[in-house]
Amino acid sequence: MRKFIFISLLTIGVFVTLTFSTASLQRKVDGNDMFGFPVAFYVRFSEMVSPNPTAEMYRFSYTNLLFDIAIAYIITILISLIYKKLKKNIN
Protein backbone atom coordinates (compact mmCIF):
# COMPACT_ATOMS: atom_id res chain seq x y z
CA MET A 1 0.00 0.00 0.00
CA ARG A 2 2.82 2.35 0.83
CA LYS A 3 4.48 1.71 -2.52
CA PHE A 4 1.19 2.34 -4.34
CA ILE A 5 0.76 5.72 -2.64
CA PHE A 6 4.37 6.67 -3.41
CA ILE A 7 4.03 5.69 -7.09
CA SER A 8 0.67 7.52 -7.36
CA LEU A 9 2.01 10.75 -5.85
CA LEU A 10 5.15 10.61 -7.97
CA THR A 11 3.04 9.98 -11.09
CA ILE A 12 0.90 13.03 -10.31
CA GLY A 13 4.04 15.10 -9.75
CA VAL A 14 5.61 13.98 -13.02
CA PHE A 15 2.34 14.58 -14.90
CA VAL A 16 1.88 18.10 -13.52
CA THR A 17 5.53 18.98 -14.12
CA LEU A 18 5.48 17.75 -17.72
CA THR A 19 2.12 19.39 -18.44
CA PHE A 20 3.03 22.85 -17.21
CA SER A 21 6.66 22.84 -18.35
CA THR A 22 5.66 21.98 -21.93
CA ALA A 23 2.50 24.13 -22.09
CA SER A 24 2.21 26.36 -25.11
CA LEU A 25 0.64 29.62 -23.92
CA GLN A 26 0.20 31.82 -26.99
CA ARG A 27 -3.33 33.21 -26.78
CA LYS A 28 -2.10 36.75 -26.23
CA VAL A 29 -0.28 36.74 -29.58
CA ASP A 30 -3.10 35.29 -31.69
CA GLY A 31 -2.25 31.69 -30.88
CA ASN A 32 -3.76 28.86 -28.87
CA ASP A 33 -3.08 27.61 -25.33
CA MET A 34 -2.18 23.92 -25.43
CA PHE A 35 -1.63 21.63 -22.44
CA GLY A 36 -0.30 18.08 -22.52
CA PHE A 37 2.85 16.08 -23.17
CA PRO A 38 3.43 14.28 -25.56
CA VAL A 39 -0.08 14.90 -26.95
CA ALA A 40 -2.26 17.90 -26.21
CA PHE A 41 -5.35 16.99 -24.20
CA TYR A 42 -6.63 20.57 -23.73
CA VAL A 43 -6.56 23.37 -26.29
CA ARG A 44 -8.09 26.80 -25.69
CA PHE A 45 -8.45 28.60 -29.00
CA SER A 46 -7.61 32.25 -29.53
CA GLU A 47 -10.37 34.82 -29.39
CA MET A 48 -8.65 37.12 -31.86
CA VAL A 49 -10.99 36.37 -34.73
CA SER A 50 -13.61 38.51 -36.35
CA PRO A 51 -16.39 38.45 -35.23
CA ASN A 52 -15.53 37.65 -31.61
CA PRO A 53 -17.06 34.37 -30.40
CA THR A 54 -19.79 34.62 -27.79
CA ALA A 55 -18.48 31.62 -25.83
CA GLU A 56 -15.01 30.38 -25.04
CA MET A 57 -13.79 27.90 -27.62
CA TYR A 58 -11.83 24.89 -26.37
CA ARG A 59 -11.19 21.22 -27.07
CA PHE A 60 -10.67 18.54 -24.41
CA SER A 61 -9.73 14.93 -25.16
CA TYR A 62 -10.07 12.25 -22.48
CA THR A 63 -8.10 9.70 -24.50
CA ASN A 64 -5.15 12.07 -24.85
CA LEU A 65 -5.35 12.81 -21.11
CA LEU A 66 -5.24 9.09 -20.29
CA PHE A 67 -2.33 8.64 -22.69
CA ASP A 68 -0.41 11.48 -21.00
CA ILE A 69 -1.08 9.98 -17.55
CA ALA A 70 0.14 6.59 -18.81
CA ILE A 71 3.36 8.19 -20.09
CA ALA A 72 3.83 9.89 -16.69
CA TYR A 73 3.30 6.50 -14.99
CA ILE A 74 5.91 4.84 -17.22
CA ILE A 75 8.39 7.64 -16.48
CA THR A 76 7.68 7.21 -12.76
CA ILE A 77 8.33 3.47 -12.92
CA LEU A 78 11.60 4.09 -14.79
CA ILE A 79 12.67 6.66 -12.18
CA SER A 80 11.91 4.27 -9.32
CA LEU A 81 13.79 1.40 -11.03
CA ILE A 82 16.84 3.61 -11.63
CA TYR A 83 16.70 4.81 -8.02
CA LYS A 84 16.56 1.21 -6.72
CA LYS A 85 19.47 0.19 -8.94
CA LEU A 86 21.60 3.14 -7.81
CA LYS A 87 20.71 2.51 -4.17
CA LYS A 88 21.67 -1.15 -4.53
CA ASN A 89 25.02 -0.27 -6.17
CA ILE A 90 25.91 2.17 -3.37
CA ASN A 91 25.29 -0.43 -0.65
PDB file of N, CA and C in Angstrom:
ATOM      1  N   MET A   1       0.817  -1.190   0.000  1.00  0.00           N
ATOM      2  CA  MET A   1       0.000   0.000   0.000  1.00  0.00           C
ATOM      3  C   MET A   1       0.864   1.259   0.000  1.00  0.00           C
ATOM      4  N   ARG A   2       1.932   1.205   0.752  1.00  0.00           N
ATOM      5  CA  ARG A   2       2.820   2.352   0.826  1.00  0.00           C
ATOM      6  C   ARG A   2       3.476   2.636  -0.525  1.00  0.00           C
ATOM      7  N   LYS A   3       3.866   1.557  -1.209  1.00  0.00           N
ATOM      8  CA  LYS A   3       4.482   1.708  -2.523  1.00  0.00           C
ATOM      9  C   LYS A   3       3.483   2.283  -3.526  1.00  0.00           C
ATOM     10  N   PHE A   4       2.231   1.840  -3.448  1.00  0.00           N
ATOM     11  CA  PHE A   4       1.192   2.340  -4.341  1.00  0.00           C
ATOM     12  C   PHE A   4       0.985   3.844  -4.162  1.00  0.00           C
ATOM     13  N   ILE A   5       0.937   4.289  -2.913  1.00  0.00           N
ATOM     14  CA  ILE A   5       0.764   5.720  -2.639  1.00  0.00           C
ATOM     15  C   ILE A   5       1.959   6.508  -3.158  1.00  0.00           C
ATOM     16  N   PHE A   6       3.162   5.991  -2.934  1.00  0.00           N
ATOM     17  CA  PHE A   6       4.370   6.667  -3.406  1.00  0.00           C
ATOM     18  C   PHE A   6       4.369   6.788  -4.931  1.00  0.00           C
ATOM     19  N   ILE A   7       4.062   5.692  -5.621  1.00  0.00           N
ATOM     20  CA  ILE A   7       4.030   5.694  -7.089  1.00  0.00           C
ATOM     21  C   ILE A   7       2.928   6.642  -7.594  1.00  0.00           C
ATOM     22  N   SER A   8       1.775   6.636  -6.942  1.00  0.00           N
ATOM     23  CA  SER A   8       0.669   7.520  -7.358  1.00  0.00           C
ATOM     24  C   SER A   8       1.043   8.988  -7.209  1.00  0.00           C
ATOM     25  N   LEU A   9       1.617   9.356  -6.066  1.00  0.00           N
ATOM     26  CA  LEU A   9       2.005  10.748  -5.852  1.00  0.00           C
ATOM     27  C   LEU A   9       3.112  11.171  -6.799  1.00  0.00           C
ATOM     28  N   LEU A  10       4.069  10.293  -7.039  1.00  0.00           N
ATOM     29  CA  LEU A  10       5.148  10.610  -7.970  1.00  0.00           C
ATOM     30  C   LEU A  10       4.612  10.733  -9.400  1.00  0.00           C
ATOM     31  N   THR A  11       3.651   9.895  -9.766  1.00  0.00           N
ATOM     32  CA  THR A  11       3.036   9.984 -11.095  1.00  0.00           C
ATOM     33  C   THR A  11       2.321  11.320 -11.263  1.00  0.00           C
ATOM     34  N   ILE A  12       1.588  11.744 -10.248  1.00  0.00           N
ATOM     35  CA  ILE A  12       0.896  13.034 -10.311  1.00  0.00           C
ATOM     36  C   ILE A  12       1.913  14.160 -10.437  1.00  0.00           C
ATOM     37  N   GLY A  13       3.001  14.084  -9.667  1.00  0.00           N
ATOM     38  CA  GLY A  13       4.042  15.102  -9.746  1.00  0.00           C
ATOM     39  C   GLY A  13       4.693  15.169 -11.115  1.00  0.00           C
ATOM     40  N   VAL A  14       5.003  14.017 -11.685  1.00  0.00           N
ATOM     41  CA  VAL A  14       5.608  13.975 -13.021  1.00  0.00           C
ATOM     42  C   VAL A  14       4.624  14.512 -14.058  1.00  0.00           C
ATOM     43  N   PHE A  15       3.356  14.124 -13.958  1.00  0.00           N
ATOM     44  CA  PHE A  15       2.340  14.581 -14.904  1.00  0.00           C
ATOM     45  C   PHE A  15       2.174  16.100 -14.860  1.00  0.00           C
ATOM     46  N   VAL A  16       2.063  16.653 -13.666  1.00  0.00           N
ATOM     47  CA  VAL A  16       1.880  18.102 -13.523  1.00  0.00           C
ATOM     48  C   VAL A  16       3.114  18.846 -14.024  1.00  0.00           C
ATOM     49  N   THR A  17       4.293  18.342 -13.675  1.00  0.00           N
ATOM     50  CA  THR A  17       5.531  18.985 -14.119  1.00  0.00           C
ATOM     51  C   THR A  17       5.652  18.974 -15.638  1.00  0.00           C
ATOM     52  N   LEU A  18       5.400  17.836 -16.259  1.00  0.00           N
ATOM     53  CA  LEU A  18       5.480  17.751 -17.720  1.00  0.00           C
ATOM     54  C   LEU A  18       4.416  18.625 -18.389  1.00  0.00           C
ATOM     55  N   THR A  19       3.214  18.618 -17.840  1.00  0.00           N
ATOM     56  CA  THR A  19       2.121  19.386 -18.445  1.00  0.00           C
ATOM     57  C   THR A  19       2.411  20.878 -18.438  1.00  0.00           C
ATOM     58  N   PHE A  20       2.826  21.405 -17.294  1.00  0.00           N
ATOM     59  CA  PHE A  20       3.032  22.847 -17.213  1.00  0.00           C
ATOM     60  C   PHE A  20       4.369  23.296 -17.790  1.00  0.00           C
ATOM     61  N   SER A  21       5.371  22.433 -17.777  1.00  0.00           N
ATOM     62  CA  SER A  21       6.659  22.840 -18.353  1.00  0.00           C
ATOM     63  C   SER A  21       6.644  22.812 -19.880  1.00  0.00           C
ATOM     64  N   THR A  22       5.736  22.049 -20.473  1.00  0.00           N
ATOM     65  CA  THR A  22       5.663  21.979 -21.933  1.00  0.00           C
ATOM     66  C   THR A  22       4.428  22.684 -22.488  1.00  0.00           C
ATOM     67  N   ALA A  23       3.711  23.420 -21.640  1.00  0.00           N
ATOM     68  CA  ALA A  23       2.502  24.126 -22.093  1.00  0.00           C
ATOM     69  C   ALA A  23       2.871  25.211 -23.099  1.00  0.00           C
ATOM     70  N   SER A  24       2.029  25.336 -24.083  1.00  0.00           N
ATOM     71  CA  SER A  24       2.212  26.365 -25.112  1.00  0.00           C
ATOM     72  C   SER A  24       1.152  27.438 -24.885  1.00  0.00           C
ATOM     73  N   LEU A  25       1.573  28.542 -24.259  1.00  0.00           N
ATOM     74  CA  LEU A  25       0.641  29.615 -23.917  1.00  0.00           C
ATOM     75  C   LEU A  25       0.853  30.774 -24.885  1.00  0.00           C
ATOM     76  N   GLN A  26       0.024  30.812 -25.940  1.00  0.00           N
ATOM     77  CA  GLN A  26       0.200  31.816 -26.985  1.00  0.00           C
ATOM     78  C   GLN A  26      -1.086  32.537 -27.348  1.00  0.00           C
ATOM     79  N   ARG A  27      -2.062  32.543 -26.459  1.00  0.00           N
ATOM     80  CA  ARG A  27      -3.330  33.211 -26.775  1.00  0.00           C
ATOM     81  C   ARG A  27      -3.175  34.715 -26.919  1.00  0.00           C
ATOM     82  N   LYS A  28      -2.242  35.297 -26.193  1.00  0.00           N
ATOM     83  CA  LYS A  28      -2.101  36.753 -26.233  1.00  0.00           C
ATOM     84  C   LYS A  28      -1.510  37.244 -27.544  1.00  0.00           C
ATOM     85  N   VAL A  29      -0.897  36.345 -28.295  1.00  0.00           N
ATOM     86  CA  VAL A  29      -0.285  36.736 -29.577  1.00  0.00           C
ATOM     87  C   VAL A  29      -0.970  36.018 -30.734  1.00  0.00           C
ATOM     88  N   ASP A  30      -2.300  35.898 -30.644  1.00  0.00           N
ATOM     89  CA  ASP A  30      -3.103  35.289 -31.694  1.00  0.00           C
ATOM     90  C   ASP A  30      -2.767  33.821 -31.908  1.00  0.00           C
ATOM     91  N   GLY A  31      -2.518  33.120 -30.810  1.00  0.00           N
ATOM     92  CA  GLY A  31      -2.249  31.689 -30.877  1.00  0.00           C
ATOM     93  C   GLY A  31      -3.215  30.940 -29.974  1.00  0.00           C
ATOM     94  N   ASN A  32      -2.917  29.701 -29.706  1.00  0.00           N
ATOM     95  CA  ASN A  32      -3.763  28.860 -28.866  1.00  0.00           C
ATOM     96  C   ASN A  32      -2.980  28.412 -27.637  1.00  0.00           C
ATOM     97  N   ASP A  33      -3.672  28.215 -26.521  1.00  0.00           N
ATOM     98  CA  ASP A  33      -3.078  27.611 -25.334  1.00  0.00           C
ATOM     99  C   ASP A  33      -3.240  26.101 -25.449  1.00  0.00           C
ATOM    100  N   MET A  34      -2.135  25.377 -25.329  1.00  0.00           N
ATOM    101  CA  MET A  34      -2.178  23.920 -25.431  1.00  0.00           C
ATOM    102  C   MET A  34      -1.503  23.317 -24.208  1.00  0.00           C
ATOM    103  N   PHE A  35      -2.166  22.331 -23.592  1.00  0.00           N
ATOM    104  CA  PHE A  35      -1.630  21.627 -22.440  1.00  0.00           C
ATOM    105  C   PHE A  35      -1.566  20.151 -22.755  1.00  0.00           C
ATOM    106  N   GLY A  36      -0.462  19.513 -22.350  1.00  0.00           N
ATOM    107  CA  GLY A  36      -0.297  18.080 -22.519  1.00  0.00           C
ATOM    108  C   GLY A  36       1.042  17.727 -23.107  1.00  0.00           C
ATOM    109  N   PHE A  37       1.606  16.613 -22.624  1.00  0.00           N
ATOM    110  CA  PHE A  37       2.850  16.082 -23.169  1.00  0.00           C
ATOM    111  C   PHE A  37       2.754  14.578 -23.165  1.00  0.00           C
ATOM    112  N   PRO A  38       2.977  13.906 -24.236  1.00  0.00           N
ATOM    113  CA  PRO A  38       3.431  14.276 -25.560  1.00  0.00           C
ATOM    114  C   PRO A  38       2.303  14.679 -26.507  1.00  0.00           C
ATOM    115  N   VAL A  39       1.049  14.458 -26.108  1.00  0.00           N
ATOM    116  CA  VAL A  39      -0.075  14.895 -26.952  1.00  0.00           C
ATOM    117  C   VAL A  39      -0.913  15.904 -26.165  1.00  0.00           C
ATOM    118  N   ALA A  40      -1.463  16.863 -26.863  1.00  0.00           N
ATOM    119  CA  ALA A  40      -2.264  17.904 -26.213  1.00  0.00           C
ATOM    120  C   ALA A  40      -3.645  17.354 -25.876  1.00  0.00           C
ATOM    121  N   PHE A  41      -4.022  17.444 -24.599  1.00  0.00           N
ATOM    122  CA  PHE A  41      -5.352  16.992 -24.197  1.00  0.00           C
ATOM    123  C   PHE A  41      -6.306  18.166 -23.992  1.00  0.00           C
ATOM    124  N   TYR A  42      -5.773  19.389 -23.896  1.00  0.00           N
ATOM    125  CA  TYR A  42      -6.628  20.566 -23.730  1.00  0.00           C
ATOM    126  C   TYR A  42      -6.082  21.696 -24.589  1.00  0.00           C
ATOM    127  N   VAL A  43      -6.937  22.241 -25.439  1.00  0.00           N
ATOM    128  CA  VAL A  43      -6.564  23.370 -26.295  1.00  0.00           C
ATOM    129  C   VAL A  43      -7.631  24.448 -26.125  1.00  0.00           C
ATOM    130  N   ARG A  44      -7.184  25.637 -25.772  1.00  0.00           N
ATOM    131  CA  ARG A  44      -8.088  26.795 -25.693  1.00  0.00           C
ATOM    132  C   ARG A  44      -7.739  27.690 -26.871  1.00  0.00           C
ATOM    133  N   PHE A  45      -8.695  27.877 -27.763  1.00  0.00           N
ATOM    134  CA  PHE A  45      -8.446  28.598 -28.996  1.00  0.00           C
ATOM    135  C   PHE A  45      -8.453  30.100 -28.768  1.00  0.00           C
ATOM    136  N   SER A  46      -7.730  30.797 -29.617  1.00  0.00           N
ATOM    137  CA  SER A  46      -7.610  32.247 -29.528  1.00  0.00           C
ATOM    138  C   SER A  46      -8.940  32.915 -29.811  1.00  0.00           C
ATOM    139  N   GLU A  47      -9.149  34.052 -29.162  1.00  0.00           N
ATOM    140  CA  GLU A  47     -10.374  34.815 -29.390  1.00  0.00           C
ATOM    141  C   GLU A  47     -10.128  35.981 -30.338  1.00  0.00           C
ATOM    142  N   MET A  48      -8.976  36.020 -30.960  1.00  0.00           N
ATOM    143  CA  MET A  48      -8.646  37.120 -31.861  1.00  0.00           C
ATOM    144  C   MET A  48      -9.105  36.804 -33.275  1.00  0.00           C
ATOM    145  N   VAL A  49     -10.395  36.614 -33.414  1.00  0.00           N
ATOM    146  CA  VAL A  49     -10.989  36.375 -34.726  1.00  0.00           C
ATOM    147  C   VAL A  49     -12.133  37.374 -34.887  1.00  0.00           C
ATOM    148  N   SER A  50     -12.523  37.571 -36.095  1.00  0.00           N
ATOM    149  CA  SER A  50     -13.610  38.509 -36.348  1.00  0.00           C
ATOM    150  C   SER A  50     -14.774  37.743 -36.950  1.00  0.00           C
ATOM    151  N   PRO A  51     -15.940  37.794 -36.439  1.00  0.00           N
ATOM    152  CA  PRO A  51     -16.392  38.449 -35.227  1.00  0.00           C
ATOM    153  C   PRO A  51     -15.994  37.642 -33.991  1.00  0.00           C
ATOM    154  N   ASN A  52     -15.909  38.312 -32.848  1.00  0.00           N
ATOM    155  CA  ASN A  52     -15.529  37.650 -31.607  1.00  0.00           C
ATOM    156  C   ASN A  52     -16.559  36.589 -31.233  1.00  0.00           C
ATOM    157  N   PRO A  53     -16.108  35.414 -30.797  1.00  0.00           N
ATOM    158  CA  PRO A  53     -17.058  34.369 -30.403  1.00  0.00           C
ATOM    159  C   PRO A  53     -17.781  34.758 -29.111  1.00  0.00           C
ATOM    160  N   THR A  54     -19.001  34.291 -28.974  1.00  0.00           N
ATOM    161  CA  THR A  54     -19.789  34.617 -27.786  1.00  0.00           C
ATOM    162  C   THR A  54     -19.438  33.707 -26.614  1.00  0.00           C
ATOM    163  N   ALA A  55     -18.874  32.554 -26.884  1.00  0.00           N
ATOM    164  CA  ALA A  55     -18.479  31.621 -25.828  1.00  0.00           C
ATOM    165  C   ALA A  55     -17.016  31.228 -26.039  1.00  0.00           C
ATOM    166  N   GLU A  56     -16.403  30.800 -24.945  1.00  0.00           N
ATOM    167  CA  GLU A  56     -15.010  30.381 -25.042  1.00  0.00           C
ATOM    168  C   GLU A  56     -14.911  29.089 -25.848  1.00  0.00           C
ATOM    169  N   MET A  57     -13.959  29.071 -26.771  1.00  0.00           N
ATOM    170  CA  MET A  57     -13.793  27.896 -27.622  1.00  0.00           C
ATOM    171  C   MET A  57     -12.631  27.067 -27.090  1.00  0.00           C
ATOM    172  N   TYR A  58     -12.880  25.780 -26.854  1.00  0.00           N
ATOM    173  CA  TYR A  58     -11.828  24.894 -26.374  1.00  0.00           C
ATOM    174  C   TYR A  58     -12.096  23.470 -26.844  1.00  0.00           C
ATOM    175  N   ARG A  59     -11.065  22.638 -26.724  1.00  0.00           N
ATOM    176  CA  ARG A  59     -11.186  21.224 -27.069  1.00  0.00           C
ATOM    177  C   ARG A  59     -10.525  20.423 -25.966  1.00  0.00           C
ATOM    178  N   PHE A  60     -11.198  19.411 -25.461  1.00  0.00           N
ATOM    179  CA  PHE A  60     -10.672  18.543 -24.415  1.00  0.00           C
ATOM    180  C   PHE A  60     -10.811  17.108 -24.872  1.00  0.00           C
ATOM    181  N   SER A  61      -9.720  16.326 -24.724  1.00  0.00           N
ATOM    182  CA  SER A  61      -9.731  14.934 -25.160  1.00  0.00           C
ATOM    183  C   SER A  61      -9.364  14.024 -23.989  1.00  0.00           C
ATOM    184  N   TYR A  62     -10.311  13.179 -23.586  1.00  0.00           N
ATOM    185  CA  TYR A  62     -10.065  12.253 -22.482  1.00  0.00           C
ATOM    186  C   TYR A  62      -9.042  11.186 -22.860  1.00  0.00           C
ATOM    187  N   THR A  63      -9.066  10.730 -24.100  1.00  0.00           N
ATOM    188  CA  THR A  63      -8.104   9.698 -24.499  1.00  0.00           C
ATOM    189  C   THR A  63      -6.678  10.244 -24.474  1.00  0.00           C
ATOM    190  N   ASN A  64      -6.493  11.478 -24.915  1.00  0.00           N
ATOM    191  CA  ASN A  64      -5.153  12.072 -24.847  1.00  0.00           C
ATOM    192  C   ASN A  64      -4.716  12.288 -23.400  1.00  0.00           C
ATOM    193  N   LEU A  65      -5.663  12.654 -22.529  1.00  0.00           N
ATOM    194  CA  LEU A  65      -5.347  12.813 -21.108  1.00  0.00           C
ATOM    195  C   LEU A  65      -4.901  11.481 -20.503  1.00  0.00           C
ATOM    196  N   LEU A  66      -5.626  10.415 -20.792  1.00  0.00           N
ATOM    197  CA  LEU A  66      -5.240   9.090 -20.285  1.00  0.00           C
ATOM    198  C   LEU A  66      -3.890   8.655 -20.836  1.00  0.00           C
ATOM    199  N   PHE A  67      -3.625   8.964 -22.098  1.00  0.00           N
ATOM    200  CA  PHE A  67      -2.332   8.641 -22.692  1.00  0.00           C
ATOM    201  C   PHE A  67      -1.207   9.398 -21.984  1.00  0.00           C
ATOM    202  N   ASP A  68      -1.426  10.683 -21.693  1.00  0.00           N
ATOM    203  CA  ASP A  68      -0.413  11.475 -20.996  1.00  0.00           C
ATOM    204  C   ASP A  68      -0.173  10.950 -19.581  1.00  0.00           C
ATOM    205  N   ILE A  69      -1.234  10.541 -18.890  1.00  0.00           N
ATOM    206  CA  ILE A  69      -1.078   9.975 -17.547  1.00  0.00           C
ATOM    207  C   ILE A  69      -0.320   8.658 -17.618  1.00  0.00           C
ATOM    208  N   ALA A  70      -0.584   7.852 -18.649  1.00  0.00           N
ATOM    209  CA  ALA A  70       0.139   6.590 -18.814  1.00  0.00           C
ATOM    210  C   ALA A  70       1.624   6.839 -19.061  1.00  0.00           C
ATOM    211  N   ILE A  71       1.955   7.839 -19.852  1.00  0.00           N
ATOM    212  CA  ILE A  71       3.361   8.193 -20.089  1.00  0.00           C
ATOM    213  C   ILE A  71       4.015   8.639 -18.782  1.00  0.00           C
ATOM    214  N   ALA A  72       3.306   9.449 -17.985  1.00  0.00           N
ATOM    215  CA  ALA A  72       3.834   9.886 -16.691  1.00  0.00           C
ATOM    216  C   ALA A  72       4.048   8.687 -15.769  1.00  0.00           C
ATOM    217  N   TYR A  73       3.151   7.701 -15.808  1.00  0.00           N
ATOM    218  CA  TYR A  73       3.298   6.496 -14.994  1.00  0.00           C
ATOM    219  C   TYR A  73       4.532   5.696 -15.422  1.00  0.00           C
ATOM    220  N   ILE A  74       4.732   5.567 -16.721  1.00  0.00           N
ATOM    221  CA  ILE A  74       5.911   4.842 -17.220  1.00  0.00           C
ATOM    222  C   ILE A  74       7.194   5.552 -16.806  1.00  0.00           C
ATOM    223  N   ILE A  75       7.212   6.870 -16.902  1.00  0.00           N
ATOM    224  CA  ILE A  75       8.391   7.636 -16.478  1.00  0.00           C
ATOM    225  C   ILE A  75       8.627   7.450 -14.984  1.00  0.00           C
ATOM    226  N   THR A  76       7.556   7.425 -14.202  1.00  0.00           N
ATOM    227  CA  THR A  76       7.678   7.212 -12.761  1.00  0.00           C
ATOM    228  C   THR A  76       8.264   5.841 -12.455  1.00  0.00           C
ATOM    229  N   ILE A  77       7.795   4.822 -13.133  1.00  0.00           N
ATOM    230  CA  ILE A  77       8.328   3.471 -12.922  1.00  0.00           C
ATOM    231  C   ILE A  77       9.806   3.431 -13.286  1.00  0.00           C
ATOM    232  N   LEU A  78      10.179   4.063 -14.397  1.00  0.00           N
ATOM    233  CA  LEU A  78      11.598   4.094 -14.787  1.00  0.00           C
ATOM    234  C   LEU A  78      12.442   4.821 -13.747  1.00  0.00           C
ATOM    235  N   ILE A  79      11.938   5.925 -13.213  1.00  0.00           N
ATOM    236  CA  ILE A  79      12.670   6.662 -12.182  1.00  0.00           C
ATOM    237  C   ILE A  79      12.852   5.801 -10.937  1.00  0.00           C
ATOM    238  N   SER A  80      11.804   5.103 -10.525  1.00  0.00           N
ATOM    239  CA  SER A  80      11.912   4.273  -9.322  1.00  0.00           C
ATOM    240  C   SER A  80      12.851   3.094  -9.544  1.00  0.00           C
ATOM    241  N   LEU A  81      12.856   2.507 -10.745  1.00  0.00           N
ATOM    242  CA  LEU A  81      13.786   1.404 -11.027  1.00  0.00           C
ATOM    243  C   LEU A  81      15.233   1.886 -11.034  1.00  0.00           C
ATOM    244  N   ILE A  82      15.486   3.044 -11.622  1.00  0.00           N
ATOM    245  CA  ILE A  82      16.844   3.605 -11.627  1.00  0.00           C
ATOM    246  C   ILE A  82      17.283   3.926 -10.207  1.00  0.00           C
ATOM    247  N   TYR A  83      16.375   4.479  -9.409  1.00  0.00           N
ATOM    248  CA  TYR A  83      16.701   4.806  -8.017  1.00  0.00           C
ATOM    249  C   TYR A  83      17.053   3.541  -7.236  1.00  0.00           C
ATOM    250  N   LYS A  84      16.271   2.467  -7.416  1.00  0.00           N
ATOM    251  CA  LYS A  84      16.561   1.214  -6.717  1.00  0.00           C
ATOM    252  C   LYS A  84      17.906   0.638  -7.141  1.00  0.00           C
ATOM    253  N   LYS A  85      18.195   0.710  -8.433  1.00  0.00           N
ATOM    254  CA  LYS A  85      19.469   0.186  -8.939  1.00  0.00           C
ATOM    255  C   LYS A  85      20.653   0.989  -8.384  1.00  0.00           C
ATOM    256  N   LEU A  86      20.534   2.309  -8.358  1.00  0.00           N
ATOM    257  CA  LEU A  86      21.601   3.136  -7.805  1.00  0.00           C
ATOM    258  C   LEU A  86      21.769   2.908  -6.310  1.00  0.00           C
ATOM    259  N   LYS A  87      20.661   2.767  -5.612  1.00  0.00           N
ATOM    260  CA  LYS A  87      20.705   2.515  -4.168  1.00  0.00           C
ATOM    261  C   LYS A  87      21.360   1.165  -3.880  1.00  0.00           C
ATOM    262  N   LYS A  88      21.080   0.169  -4.704  1.00  0.00           N
ATOM    263  CA  LYS A  88      21.665  -1.155  -4.533  1.00  0.00           C
ATOM    264  C   LYS A  88      23.163  -1.127  -4.807  1.00  0.00           C
ATOM    265  N   ASN A  89      23.597  -0.360  -5.830  1.00  0.00           N
ATOM    266  CA  ASN A  89      25.023  -0.272  -6.171  1.00  0.00           C
ATOM    267  C   ASN A  89      25.821   0.472  -5.096  1.00  0.00           C
ATOM    268  N   ILE A  90      25.209   1.427  -4.416  1.00  0.00           N
ATOM    269  CA  ILE A  90      25.906   2.166  -3.368  1.00  0.00           C
ATOM    270  C   ILE A  90      26.142   1.272  -2.151  1.00  0.00           C
ATOM    271  N   ASN A  91      25.156   0.460  -1.824  1.00  0.00           N
ATOM    272  CA  ASN A  91      25.288  -0.431  -0.655  1.00  0.00           C
ATOM    273  C   ASN A  91      26.093  -1.613  -1.068  1.00  0.00           C
TER     274      ASN A  91
END
